[in-house]
């Protein structure tokens, strides 16, 4: 059996420098598959070897782990470049130990996505709960209004849990109380659509469109509820329809920015919020200007150091 060649420690240090540069410029990894992870495996193996031989490699470990943190931070971008399927197939071939986090970046991205959606659902749930309390105990709602709000709240909570049967049932309950209100029709249409009940979905959607009067209002409402349900593609389709007619619709643009944030698409989110800032300043929408600036500042902190900041206007 051929004996494995032992690389010199200086050669391992060169590997580390290569790893550092490649992680810092992760966008350049397109088409290189998971070679970066195999390089990281080799660094792990031979640093541990030299450590076992009594060599002092703590500075090397520190440098590697600093850029491990950057790779982990940019897990979604790495996965987008390499491809989830490619990573999974290669991982099955290599069969790495579970402590080598870099082979499991797809799992991390999925966990983060679930956490974000849960936070959104929790926040919306808290807001709805506060509104319920205010209506019930401050404004003393009449029984019909109380029933309607309770059904709508149940529909929204079920939406966050992707329980489409419950979403549909609760929405229909709200419709039965106040059939002239459009919101539950929108929610019911989405639920019916997810359940494959196309005719029902069409009926609910047509009714909602009539009740809203303005098509723009209907599309905004649909986009918002698709977003709450984590159905980002459909939400973006509705926003695109709005912006085709009104490119400076700040409500639609803000929602689009939120969607890109939820998708961890920092570059596109930055472009959208910079556009929001420009339009808000032009229209003197003073309440939106500080919000847009705050969003831009927070998103810039999430950019890898090697990436240039998007210029205003998305150029």
C-alpha atoms as a PDB file:
ATOM      1  CA  UNK A   1       0.000   0.000   0.000  1.00  0.00           C
ATOM      2  CA  UNK A   2       1.341   3.434  -0.949  1.00  0.00           C
ATOM      3  CA  UNK A   3       2.259   5.499   2.105  1.00  0.00           C
ATOM      4  CA  UNK A   4       0.510   8.864   2.407  1.00  0.00           C
ATOM      5  CA  UNK A   5       2.863  11.791   1.841  1.00  0.00           C
ATOM      6  CA  UNK A   6       3.311  14.035   4.855  1.00  0.00           C
ATOM      7  CA  UNK A   7       3.274  17.689   3.787  1.00  0.00           C
ATOM      8  CA  UNK A   8       5.702  20.140   5.353  1.00  0.00           C
ATOM      9  CA  UNK A   9       4.168  22.513   7.912  1.00  0.00           C
ATOM     10  CA  UNK A  10       5.001  25.444   5.625  1.00  0.00           C
ATOM     11  CA  UNK A  11       2.969  23.757   2.901  1.00  0.00           C
ATOM     12  CA  UNK A  12       0.006  23.456   5.279  1.00  0.00           C
ATOM     13  CA  UNK A  13       0.404  27.171   6.043  1.00  0.00           C
ATOM     14  CA  UNK A  14       0.186  27.869   2.306  1.00  0.00           C
ATOM     15  CA  UNK A  15      -3.046  25.853   2.213  1.00  0.00           C
ATOM     16  CA  UNK A  16      -4.368  28.027   5.027  1.00  0.00           C
ATOM     17  CA  UNK A  17      -3.585  31.198   3.063  1.00  0.00           C
ATOM     18  CA  UNK A  18      -5.360  29.742   0.042  1.00  0.00           C
ATOM     19  CA  UNK A  19      -8.373  28.884   2.243  1.00  0.00           C
ATOM     20  CA  UNK A  20      -8.403  32.429   3.663  1.00  0.00           C
ATOM     21  CA  UNK A  21      -8.385  34.047   0.222  1.00  0.00           C
ATOM     22  CA  UNK A  22     -11.057  31.733  -1.155  1.00  0.00           C
ATOM     23  CA  UNK A  23     -13.410  32.243   1.792  1.00  0.00           C
ATOM     24  CA  UNK A  24     -12.915  36.022   1.596  1.00  0.00           C
ATOM     25  CA  UNK A  25     -13.850  35.878  -2.110  1.00  0.00           C
ATOM     26  CA  UNK A  26     -16.531  33.214  -1.870  1.00  0.00           C
ATOM     27  CA  UNK A  27     -18.321  34.379  -5.033  1.00  0.00           C
ATOM     28  CA  UNK A  28     -15.323  33.217  -7.065  1.00  0.00           C
ATOM     29  CA  UNK A  29     -16.017  29.604  -6.023  1.00  0.00           C
ATOM     30  CA  UNK A  30     -18.667  29.171  -8.704  1.00  0.00           C
ATOM     31  CA  UNK A  31     -17.936  26.052 -10.736  1.00  0.00           C
ATOM     32  CA  UNK A  32     -15.381  24.715  -8.271  1.00  0.00           C
ATOM     33  CA  UNK A  33     -17.830  22.473  -6.453  1.00  0.00           C
ATOM     34  CA  UNK A  34     -16.751  21.565  -2.941  1.00  0.00           C
ATOM     35  CA  UNK A  35     -12.979  21.747  -3.462  1.00  0.00           C
ATOM     36  CA  UNK A  36     -12.880  24.442  -0.797  1.00  0.00           C
ATOM     37  CA  UNK A  37     -14.283  22.002   1.761  1.00  0.00           C
ATOM     38  CA  UNK A  38     -11.773  19.323   0.769  1.00  0.00           C
ATOM     39  CA  UNK A  39      -8.993  21.877   1.253  1.00  0.00           C
ATOM     40  CA  UNK A  40     -10.413  22.646   4.703  1.00  0.00           C
ATOM     41  CA  UNK A  41     -10.428  18.903   5.465  1.00  0.00           C
ATOM     42  CA  UNK A  42      -6.762  18.642   4.549  1.00  0.00           C
ATOM     43  CA  UNK A  43      -5.904  21.613   6.766  1.00  0.00           C
ATOM     44  CA  UNK A  44      -7.774  19.992   9.653  1.00  0.00           C
ATOM     45  CA  UNK A  45      -6.005  16.660   9.201  1.00  0.00           C
ATOM     46  CA  UNK A  46      -2.472  17.978   9.003  1.00  0.00           C
ATOM     47  CA  UNK A  47      -2.765  20.673  11.672  1.00  0.00           C
ATOM     48  CA  UNK A  48      -3.961  17.946  14.046  1.00  0.00           C
ATOM     49  CA  UNK A  49      -1.044  15.781  12.923  1.00  0.00           C
ATOM     50  CA  UNK A  50       1.549  18.452  13.667  1.00  0.00           C
ATOM     51  CA  UNK A  51      -0.199  19.277  16.922  1.00  0.00           C
ATOM     52  CA  UNK A  52       0.124  15.609  17.940  1.00  0.00           C
ATOM     53  CA  UNK A  53       3.847  15.809  17.159  1.00  0.00           C
ATOM     54  CA  UNK A  54       4.295  18.678  19.618  1.00  0.00           C
ATOM     55  CA  UNK A  55       4.386  21.530  17.101  1.00  0.00           C
ATOM     56  CA  UNK A  56       2.934  24.885  18.192  1.00  0.00           C
ATOM     57  CA  UNK A  57       0.169  25.541  15.678  1.00  0.00           C
ATOM     58  CA  UNK A  58      -2.189  27.694  17.756  1.00  0.00           C
ATOM     59  CA  UNK A  59      -1.689  30.793  15.499  1.00  0.00           C
ATOM     60  CA  UNK A  60      -2.623  28.662  12.484  1.00  0.00           C
ATOM     61  CA  UNK A  61      -5.743  27.358  14.218  1.00  0.00           C
ATOM     62  CA  UNK A  62      -6.795  30.917  15.139  1.00  0.00           C
ATOM     63  CA  UNK A  63      -6.445  32.100  11.531  1.00  0.00           C
ATOM     64  CA  UNK A  64      -8.365  29.109  10.183  1.00  0.00           C
ATOM     65  CA  UNK A  65     -11.198  29.462  12.711  1.00  0.00           C
ATOM     66  CA  UNK A  66     -11.566  33.190  12.061  1.00  0.00           C
ATOM     67  CA  UNK A  67     -12.303  32.394   8.426  1.00  0.00           C
ATOM     68  CA  UNK A  68     -14.410  29.388   9.409  1.00  0.00           C
ATOM     69  CA  UNK A  69     -16.668  31.944  11.105  1.00  0.00           C
ATOM     70  CA  UNK A  70     -16.846  33.982   7.879  1.00  0.00           C
ATOM     71  CA  UNK A  71     -17.672  30.860   5.852  1.00  0.00           C
ATOM     72  CA  UNK A  72     -20.411  29.950   8.317  1.00  0.00           C
ATOM     73  CA  UNK A  73     -21.788  33.501   8.182  1.00  0.00           C
ATOM     74  CA  UNK A  74     -21.939  33.277   4.380  1.00  0.00           C
ATOM     75  CA  UNK A  75     -23.371  29.748   4.366  1.00  0.00           C
ATOM     76  CA  UNK A  76     -26.404  30.735   2.282  1.00  0.00           C
ATOM     77  CA  UNK A  77     -24.234  32.401  -0.360  1.00  0.00           C
ATOM     78  CA  UNK A  78     -21.857  29.423  -0.456  1.00  0.00           C
ATOM     79  CA  UNK A  79     -24.772  27.027  -0.843  1.00  0.00           C
ATOM     80  CA  UNK A  80     -26.237  29.135  -3.642  1.00  0.00           C
ATOM     81  CA  UNK A  81     -22.915  29.082  -5.511  1.00  0.00           C
ATOM     82  CA  UNK A  82     -22.050  25.407  -4.961  1.00  0.00           C
ATOM     83  CA  UNK A  83     -25.565  23.963  -5.071  1.00  0.00           C
ATOM     84  CA  UNK A  84     -27.422  22.022  -2.395  1.00  0.00           C
ATOM     85  CA  UNK A  85     -27.524  18.833  -4.476  1.00  0.00           C
ATOM     86  CA  UNK A  86     -23.781  18.948  -5.227  1.00  0.00           C
ATOM     87  CA  UNK A  87     -22.916  19.445  -1.575  1.00  0.00           C
ATOM     88  CA  UNK A  88     -25.154  16.584  -0.488  1.00  0.00           C
ATOM     89  CA  UNK A  89     -23.783  14.173  -3.106  1.00  0.00           C
ATOM     90  CA  UNK A  90     -20.180  14.999  -2.294  1.00  0.00           C
ATOM     91  CA  UNK A  91     -20.828  14.703   1.440  1.00  0.00           C
ATOM     92  CA  UNK A  92     -22.183  11.201   0.917  1.00  0.00           C
ATOM     93  CA  UNK A  93     -18.968  10.250  -0.898  1.00  0.00           C
ATOM     94  CA  UNK A  94     -16.636  11.800   1.681  1.00  0.00           C
ATOM     95  CA  UNK A  95     -18.694  10.761   4.748  1.00  0.00           C
ATOM     96  CA  UNK A  96     -17.149  13.469   6.971  1.00  0.00           C
ATOM     97  CA  UNK A  97     -17.509  13.443  10.781  1.00  0.00           C
ATOM     98  CA  UNK A  98     -20.329  15.624  12.065  1.00  0.00           C
ATOM     99  CA  UNK A  99     -17.975  17.968  13.924  1.00  0.00           C
ATOM    100  CA  UNK A 100     -16.719  19.309  10.585  1.00  0.00           C
ATOM    101  CA  UNK A 101     -19.440  21.930  10.315  1.00  0.00           C
ATOM    102  CA  UNK A 102     -18.354  23.086   6.869  1.00  0.00           C
ATOM    103  CA  UNK A 103     -19.714  19.891   5.290  1.00  0.00           C
ATOM    104  CA  UNK A 104     -23.149  20.607   6.794  1.00  0.00           C
ATOM    105  CA  UNK A 105     -23.699  24.221   5.705  1.00  0.00           C
ATOM    106  CA  UNK A 106     -26.982  23.274   3.978  1.00  0.00           C
ATOM    107  CA  UNK A 107     -28.349  22.118   7.347  1.00  0.00           C
ATOM    108  CA  UNK A 108     -27.348  25.418   8.931  1.00  0.00           C
ATOM    109  CA  UNK A 109     -29.028  27.430   6.169  1.00  0.00           C
ATOM    110  CA  UNK A 110     -32.243  25.436   6.575  1.00  0.00           C
ATOM    111  CA  UNK A 111     -32.188  25.895  10.354  1.00  0.00           C
ATOM    112  CA  UNK A 112     -31.660  29.651   9.970  1.00  0.00           C
ATOM    113  CA  UNK A 113     -34.510  29.859   7.467  1.00  0.00           C
ATOM    114  CA  UNK A 114     -36.866  28.113   9.892  1.00  0.00           C
ATOM    115  CA  UNK A 115     -35.766  30.396  12.722  1.00  0.00           C
ATOM    116  CA  UNK A 116     -36.415  33.504  10.617  1.00  0.00           C
ATOM    117  CA  UNK A 117     -39.876  32.331   9.619  1.00  0.00           C
ATOM    118  CA  UNK A 118     -40.627  31.422  13.219  1.00  0.00           C
ATOM    119  CA  UNK A 119     -39.511  34.881  14.371  1.00  0.00           C
ATOM    120  CA  UNK A 120     -41.716  36.531  11.749  1.00  0.00           C
ATOM    121  CA  UNK A 121     -44.675  34.362  12.746  1.00  0.00           C
ATOM    122  CA  UNK A 122     -44.042  35.001  16.455  1.00  0.00           C
ATOM    123  CA  UNK A 123     -43.775  38.764  15.928  1.00  0.00           C
ATOM    124  CA  UNK A 124     -46.965  38.837  13.905  1.00  0.00           C
ATOM    125  CA  UNK A 125     -48.655  36.672  16.506  1.00  0.00           C
ATOM    126  CA  UNK A 126     -47.662  39.074  19.289  1.00  0.00           C
ATOM    127  CA  UNK A 127     -48.916  42.056  17.275  1.00  0.00           C
ATOM    128  CA  UNK A 128     -52.216  40.333  16.607  1.00  0.00           C
ATOM    129  CA  UNK A 129     -52.526  39.358  20.271  1.00  0.00           C
ATOM    130  CA  UNK A 130     -51.965  42.971  21.349  1.00  0.00           C
ATOM    131  CA  UNK A 131     -54.623  44.126  18.908  1.00  0.00           C
ATOM    132  CA  UNK A 132     -57.020  41.501  20.210  1.00  0.00           C
ATOM    133  CA  UNK A 133     -56.458  42.632  23.795  1.00  0.00           C
ATOM    134  CA  UNK A 134     -56.937  46.290  22.854  1.00  0.00           C
ATOM    135  CA  UNK A 135     -60.137  45.575  20.975  1.00  0.00           C
ATOM    136  CA  UNK A 136     -61.581  43.286  23.613  1.00  0.00           C
ATOM    137  CA  UNK A 137     -60.672  45.179  26.759  1.00  0.00           C
ATOM    138  CA  UNK A 138     -60.217  48.795  25.656  1.00  0.00           C
ATOM    139  CA  UNK A 139     -62.637  49.310  22.831  1.00  0.00           C
ATOM    140  CA  UNK A 140     -65.088  46.630  23.995  1.00  0.00           C
ATOM    141  CA  UNK A 141     -65.918  45.023  20.664  1.00  0.00           C
ATOM    142  CA  UNK A 142     -69.430  43.850  19.901  1.00  0.00           C
ATOM    143  CA  UNK A 143     -69.801  40.031  19.759  1.00  0.00           C
ATOM    144  CA  UNK A 144     -69.765  39.815  15.927  1.00  0.00           C
ATOM    145  CA  UNK A 145     -66.540  41.839  15.706  1.00  0.00           C
ATOM    146  CA  UNK A 146     -65.008  39.722  18.443  1.00  0.00           C
ATOM    147  CA  UNK A 147     -65.951  36.526  16.596  1.00  0.00           C
ATOM    148  CA  UNK A 148     -64.527  37.848  13.319  1.00  0.00           C
ATOM    149  CA  UNK A 149     -61.235  38.921  14.881  1.00  0.00           C
ATOM    150  CA  UNK A 150     -60.874  35.613  16.707  1.00  0.00           C
ATOM    151  CA  UNK A 151     -61.340  33.670  13.456  1.00  0.00           C
ATOM    152  CA  UNK A 152     -58.902  35.911  11.577  1.00  0.00           C
ATOM    153  CA  UNK A 153     -56.296  35.523  14.336  1.00  0.00           C
ATOM    154  CA  UNK A 154     -56.672  31.732  14.214  1.00  0.00           C
ATOM    155  CA  UNK A 155     -56.200  31.833  10.431  1.00  0.00           C
ATOM    156  CA  UNK A 156     -53.007  33.885  10.768  1.00  0.00           C
ATOM    157  CA  UNK A 157     -51.563  31.620  13.436  1.00  0.00           C
ATOM    158  CA  UNK A 158     -52.335  28.536  11.323  1.00  0.00           C
ATOM    159  CA  UNK A 159     -50.685  30.254   8.352  1.00  0.00           C
ATOM    160  CA  UNK A 160     -47.458  30.545  10.346  1.00  0.00           C
ATOM    161  CA  UNK A 161     -47.668  26.805  11.087  1.00  0.00           C
ATOM    162  CA  UNK A 162     -48.475  25.947   7.421  1.00  0.00           C
ATOM    163  CA  UNK A 163     -51.663  24.225   8.609  1.00  0.00           C
ATOM    164  CA  UNK A 164     -53.590  24.979   5.418  1.00  0.00           C
ATOM    165  CA  UNK A 165     -56.751  23.096   6.391  1.00  0.00           C
ATOM    166  CA  UNK A 166     -57.056  25.205   9.545  1.00  0.00           C
ATOM    167  CA  UNK A 167     -56.207  28.390   7.642  1.00  0.00           C
ATOM    168  CA  UNK A 168     -59.041  27.697   5.219  1.00  0.00           C
ATOM    169  CA  UNK A 169     -61.558  26.761   7.919  1.00  0.00           C
ATOM    170  CA  UNK A 170     -60.771  29.852  10.045  1.00  0.00           C
ATOM    171  CA  UNK A 171     -60.885  32.160   7.022  1.00  0.00           C
ATOM    172  CA  UNK A 172     -64.292  30.789   6.005  1.00  0.00           C
ATOM    173  CA  UNK A 173     -65.489  31.348   9.576  1.00  0.00           C
ATOM    174  CA  UNK A 174     -64.416  35.011   9.353  1.00  0.00           C
ATOM    175  CA  UNK A 175     -66.126  35.342   5.949  1.00  0.00           C
ATOM    176  CA  UNK A 176     -69.368  33.961   7.405  1.00  0.00           C
ATOM    177  CA  UNK A 177     -69.362  36.724  10.045  1.00  0.00           C
ATOM    178  CA  UNK A 178     -68.518  39.632   7.718  1.00  0.00           C
ATOM    179  CA  UNK A 179     -68.794  38.561   4.045  1.00  0.00           C
ATOM    180  CA  UNK A 180     -68.198  42.149   2.895  1.00  0.00           C
ATOM    181  CA  UNK A 181     -64.624  42.274   4.246  1.00  0.00           C
ATOM    182  CA  UNK A 182     -61.921  41.283   1.739  1.00  0.00           C
ATOM    183  CA  UNK A 183     -58.972  40.131   3.895  1.00  0.00           C
ATOM    184  CA  UNK A 184     -60.252  36.637   4.822  1.00  0.00           C
ATOM    185  CA  UNK A 185     -61.002  35.943   1.144  1.00  0.00           C
ATOM    186  CA  UNK A 186     -57.327  36.586   0.332  1.00  0.00           C
ATOM    187  CA  UNK A 187     -56.167  34.219   3.082  1.00  0.00           C
ATOM    188  CA  UNK A 188     -58.734  31.590   2.071  1.00  0.00           C
ATOM    189  CA  UNK A 189     -57.590  31.781  -1.572  1.00  0.00           C
ATOM    190  CA  UNK A 190     -53.977  31.096  -0.574  1.00  0.00           C
ATOM    191  CA  UNK A 191     -54.989  28.170   1.657  1.00  0.00           C
ATOM    192  CA  UNK A 192     -57.226  26.641  -1.016  1.00  0.00           C
ATOM    193  CA  UNK A 193     -54.442  27.045  -3.548  1.00  0.00           C
ATOM    194  CA  UNK A 194     -51.973  25.207  -1.285  1.00  0.00           C
ATOM    195  CA  UNK A 195     -54.507  22.423  -0.795  1.00  0.00           C
ATOM    196  CA  UNK A 196     -54.930  22.006  -4.551  1.00  0.00           C
ATOM    197  CA  UNK A 197     -58.513  23.307  -4.508  1.00  0.00           C
ATOM    198  CA  UNK A 198     -58.141  25.468  -7.594  1.00  0.00           C
ATOM    199  CA  UNK A 199     -61.811  26.306  -8.144  1.00  0.00           C
ATOM    200  CA  UNK A 200     -62.261  27.413  -4.531  1.00  0.00           C
ATOM    201  CA  UNK A 201     -59.079  29.472  -4.717  1.00  0.00           C
ATOM    202  CA  UNK A 202     -60.325  31.157  -7.903  1.00  0.00           C
ATOM    203  CA  UNK A 203     -63.684  31.957  -6.271  1.00  0.00           C
ATOM    204  CA  UNK A 204     -62.112  33.489  -3.148  1.00  0.00           C
ATOM    205  CA  UNK A 205     -59.591  35.488  -5.198  1.00  0.00           C
ATOM    206  CA  UNK A 206     -62.230  36.930  -7.532  1.00  0.00           C
ATOM    207  CA  UNK A 207     -64.412  37.926  -4.576  1.00  0.00           C
ATOM    208  CA  UNK A 208     -61.479  39.645  -2.857  1.00  0.00           C
ATOM    209  CA  UNK A 209     -60.542  41.514  -6.022  1.00  0.00           C
ATOM    210  CA  UNK A 210     -64.081  42.915  -6.300  1.00  0.00           C
ATOM    211  CA  UNK A 211     -64.179  43.968  -2.647  1.00  0.00           C
ATOM    212  CA  UNK A 212     -60.850  45.792  -2.787  1.00  0.00           C
ATOM    213  CA  UNK A 213     -61.899  47.918  -5.723  1.00  0.00           C
ATOM    214  CA  UNK A 214     -58.355  48.969  -6.623  1.00  0.00           C
ATOM    215  CA  UNK A 215     -56.300  46.137  -8.085  1.00  0.00           C
ATOM    216  CA  UNK A 216     -53.129  47.573  -6.517  1.00  0.00           C
ATOM    217  CA  UNK A 217     -54.608  47.226  -3.013  1.00  0.00           C
ATOM    218  CA  UNK A 218     -55.623  43.647  -3.736  1.00  0.00           C
ATOM    219  CA  UNK A 219     -52.133  42.721  -5.013  1.00  0.00           C
ATOM    220  CA  UNK A 220     -50.460  44.329  -1.989  1.00  0.00           C
ATOM    221  CA  UNK A 221     -52.697  42.375   0.367  1.00  0.00           C
ATOM    222  CA  UNK A 222     -51.978  39.130  -1.480  1.00  0.00           C
ATOM    223  CA  UNK A 223     -48.229  39.775  -1.481  1.00  0.00           C
ATOM    224  CA  UNK A 224     -48.280  40.468   2.253  1.00  0.00           C
ATOM    225  CA  UNK A 225     -50.084  37.230   3.083  1.00  0.00           C
ATOM    226  CA  UNK A 226     -47.905  35.164   0.743  1.00  0.00           C
ATOM    227  CA  UNK A 227     -44.904  36.632   2.577  1.00  0.00           C
ATOM    228  CA  UNK A 228     -46.365  35.717   5.979  1.00  0.00           C
ATOM    229  CA  UNK A 229     -46.866  32.187   4.679  1.00  0.00           C
ATOM    230  CA  UNK A 230     -43.256  31.921   3.489  1.00  0.00           C
ATOM    231  CA  UNK A 231     -44.365  31.678  -0.162  1.00  0.00           C
ATOM    232  CA  UNK A 232     -41.819  34.181  -1.425  1.00  0.00           C
ATOM    233  CA  UNK A 233     -42.021  33.516  -5.173  1.00  0.00           C
ATOM    234  CA  UNK A 234     -45.731  34.305  -5.300  1.00  0.00           C
ATOM    235  CA  UNK A 235     -45.221  37.389  -3.125  1.00  0.00           C
ATOM    236  CA  UNK A 236     -42.536  38.678  -5.496  1.00  0.00           C
ATOM    237  CA  UNK A 237     -44.779  38.017  -8.511  1.00  0.00           C
ATOM    238  CA  UNK A 238     -47.514  40.243  -7.022  1.00  0.00           C
ATOM    239  CA  UNK A 239     -45.004  42.962  -6.159  1.00  0.00           C
ATOM    240  CA  UNK A 240     -43.630  42.877  -9.707  1.00  0.00           C
ATOM    241  CA  UNK A 241     -47.162  43.439 -11.024  1.00  0.00           C
ATOM    242  CA  UNK A 242     -47.579  46.468  -8.746  1.00  0.00           C
ATOM    243  CA  UNK A 243     -44.195  47.960  -9.638  1.00  0.00           C
ATOM    244  CA  UNK A 244     -44.889  47.529 -13.354  1.00  0.00           C
ATOM    245  CA  UNK A 245     -47.721  50.055 -12.917  1.00  0.00           C
ATOM    246  CA  UNK A 246     -46.204  52.122 -10.099  1.00  0.00           C
ATOM    247  CA  UNK A 247     -42.390  51.781  -9.900  1.00  0.00           C
ATOM    248  CA  UNK A 248     -42.234  54.106  -6.872  1.00  0.00           C
ATOM    249  CA  UNK A 249     -44.758  52.254  -4.704  1.00  0.00           C
ATOM    250  CA  UNK A 250     -42.951  52.420  -1.355  1.00  0.00           C
ATOM    251  CA  UNK A 251     -45.173  49.855   0.358  1.00  0.00           C
ATOM    252  CA  UNK A 252     -44.431  47.271  -2.335  1.00  0.00           C
ATOM    253  CA  UNK A 253     -40.707  48.082  -2.341  1.00  0.00           C
ATOM    254  CA  UNK A 254     -40.481  47.797   1.440  1.00  0.00           C
ATOM    255  CA  UNK A 255     -42.154  44.406   1.313  1.00  0.00           C
ATOM    256  CA  UNK A 256     -39.772  43.303  -1.450  1.00  0.00           C
ATOM    257  CA  UNK A 257     -36.833  44.314   0.744  1.00  0.00           C
ATOM    258  CA  UNK A 258     -38.254  42.243   3.611  1.00  0.00           C
ATOM    259  CA  UNK A 259     -38.571  39.225   1.322  1.00  0.00           C
ATOM    260  CA  UNK A 260     -34.942  39.483   0.189  1.00  0.00           C
ATOM    261  CA  UNK A 261     -33.911  39.785   3.851  1.00  0.00           C
ATOM    262  CA  UNK A 262     -35.865  36.631   4.705  1.00  0.00           C
ATOM    263  CA  UNK A 263     -34.128  34.870   1.796  1.00  0.00           C
ATOM    264  CA  UNK A 264     -30.762  36.111   3.117  1.00  0.00           C
ATOM    265  CA  UNK A 265     -30.182  37.863  -0.224  1.00  0.00           C
ATOM    266  CA  UNK A 266     -28.309  40.802   1.280  1.00  0.00           C
ATOM    267  CA  UNK A 267     -27.173  42.404  -1.992  1.00  0.00           C
ATOM    268  CA  UNK A 268     -30.684  42.570  -3.484  1.00  0.00           C
ATOM    269  CA  UNK A 269     -32.184  43.745  -0.181  1.00  0.00           C
ATOM    270  CA  UNK A 270     -29.623  46.579  -0.082  1.00  0.00           C
ATOM    271  CA  UNK A 271     -30.483  47.626  -3.625  1.00  0.00           C
ATOM    272  CA  UNK A 272     -34.185  47.764  -2.787  1.00  0.00           C
ATOM    273  CA  UNK A 273     -33.755  49.743   0.453  1.00  0.00           C
ATOM    274  CA  UNK A 274     -31.413  52.220  -1.271  1.00  0.00           C
ATOM    275  CA  UNK A 275     -34.136  52.740  -3.873  1.00  0.00           C
ATOM    276  CA  UNK A 276     -36.690  53.185  -1.057  1.00  0.00           C
ATOM    277  CA  UNK A 277     -34.428  55.819   0.519  1.00  0.00           C
ATOM    278  CA  UNK A 278     -34.057  57.722  -2.769  1.00  0.00           C
ATOM    279  CA  UNK A 279     -37.804  57.750  -3.405  1.00  0.00           C
ATOM    280  CA  UNK A 280     -38.641  58.613   0.218  1.00  0.00           C
ATOM    281  CA  UNK A 281     -36.236  61.576   0.112  1.00  0.00           C
ATOM    282  CA  UNK A 282     -37.653  62.712  -3.236  1.00  0.00           C
ATOM    283  CA  UNK A 283     -41.240  62.507  -1.917  1.00  0.00           C
ATOM    284  CA  UNK A 284     -40.265  63.854   1.517  1.00  0.00           C
ATOM    285  CA  UNK A 285     -41.665  60.761   3.261  1.00  0.00           C
ATOM    286  CA  UNK A 286     -39.958  61.689   6.522  1.00  0.00           C
ATOM    287  CA  UNK A 287     -41.127  58.623   8.454  1.00  0.00           C
ATOM    288  CA  UNK A 288     -39.557  56.234   5.935  1.00  0.00           C
ATOM    289  CA  UNK A 289     -36.170  57.918   5.550  1.00  0.00           C
ATOM    290  CA  UNK A 290     -34.692  56.918   8.963  1.00  0.00           C
ATOM    291  CA  UNK A 291     -36.140  53.409   8.652  1.00  0.00           C
ATOM    292  CA  UNK A 292     -34.539  52.899   5.230  1.00  0.00           C
ATOM    293  CA  UNK A 293     -31.192  54.237   6.499  1.00  0.00           C
ATOM    294  CA  UNK A 294     -31.303  51.878   9.466  1.00  0.00           C
ATOM    295  CA  UNK A 295     -32.065  48.907   7.214  1.00  0.00           C
ATOM    296  CA  UNK A 296     -29.208  49.809   4.873  1.00  0.00           C
ATOM    297  CA  UNK A 297     -26.764  50.154   7.762  1.00  0.00           C
ATOM    298  CA  UNK A 298     -27.735  46.800   9.271  1.00  0.00           C
ATOM    299  CA  UNK A 299     -27.505  45.008   5.925  1.00  0.00           C
ATOM    300  CA  UNK A 300     -24.093  46.498   5.135  1.00  0.00           C
ATOM    301  CA  UNK A 301     -22.783  44.894   8.331  1.00  0.00           C
ATOM    302  CA  UNK A 302     -23.804  41.501   6.924  1.00  0.00           C
ATOM    303  CA  UNK A 303     -21.746  41.915   3.739  1.00  0.00           C
ATOM    304  CA  UNK A 304     -18.433  40.021   3.440  1.00  0.00           C
ATOM    305  CA  UNK A 305     -15.511  42.454   3.680  1.00  0.00           C
ATOM    306  CA  UNK A 306     -14.348  41.601   0.144  1.00  0.00           C
ATOM    307  CA  UNK A 307     -17.630  42.579  -1.504  1.00  0.00           C
ATOM    308  CA  UNK A 308     -18.157  46.186  -2.693  1.00  0.00           C
ATOM    309  CA  UNK A 309     -21.180  48.022  -1.359  1.00  0.00           C
ATOM    310  CA  UNK A 310     -24.000  48.335  -3.942  1.00  0.00           C
ATOM    311  CA  UNK A 311     -24.164  51.874  -5.284  1.00  0.00           C
ATOM    312  CA  UNK A 312     -27.372  53.914  -4.923  1.00  0.00           C
ATOM    313  CA  UNK A 313     -29.828  52.945  -7.640  1.00  0.00           C
ATOM    314  CA  UNK A 314     -28.471  49.365  -7.689  1.00  0.00           C
ATOM    315  CA  UNK A 315     -25.774  50.043 -10.313  1.00  0.00           C
END
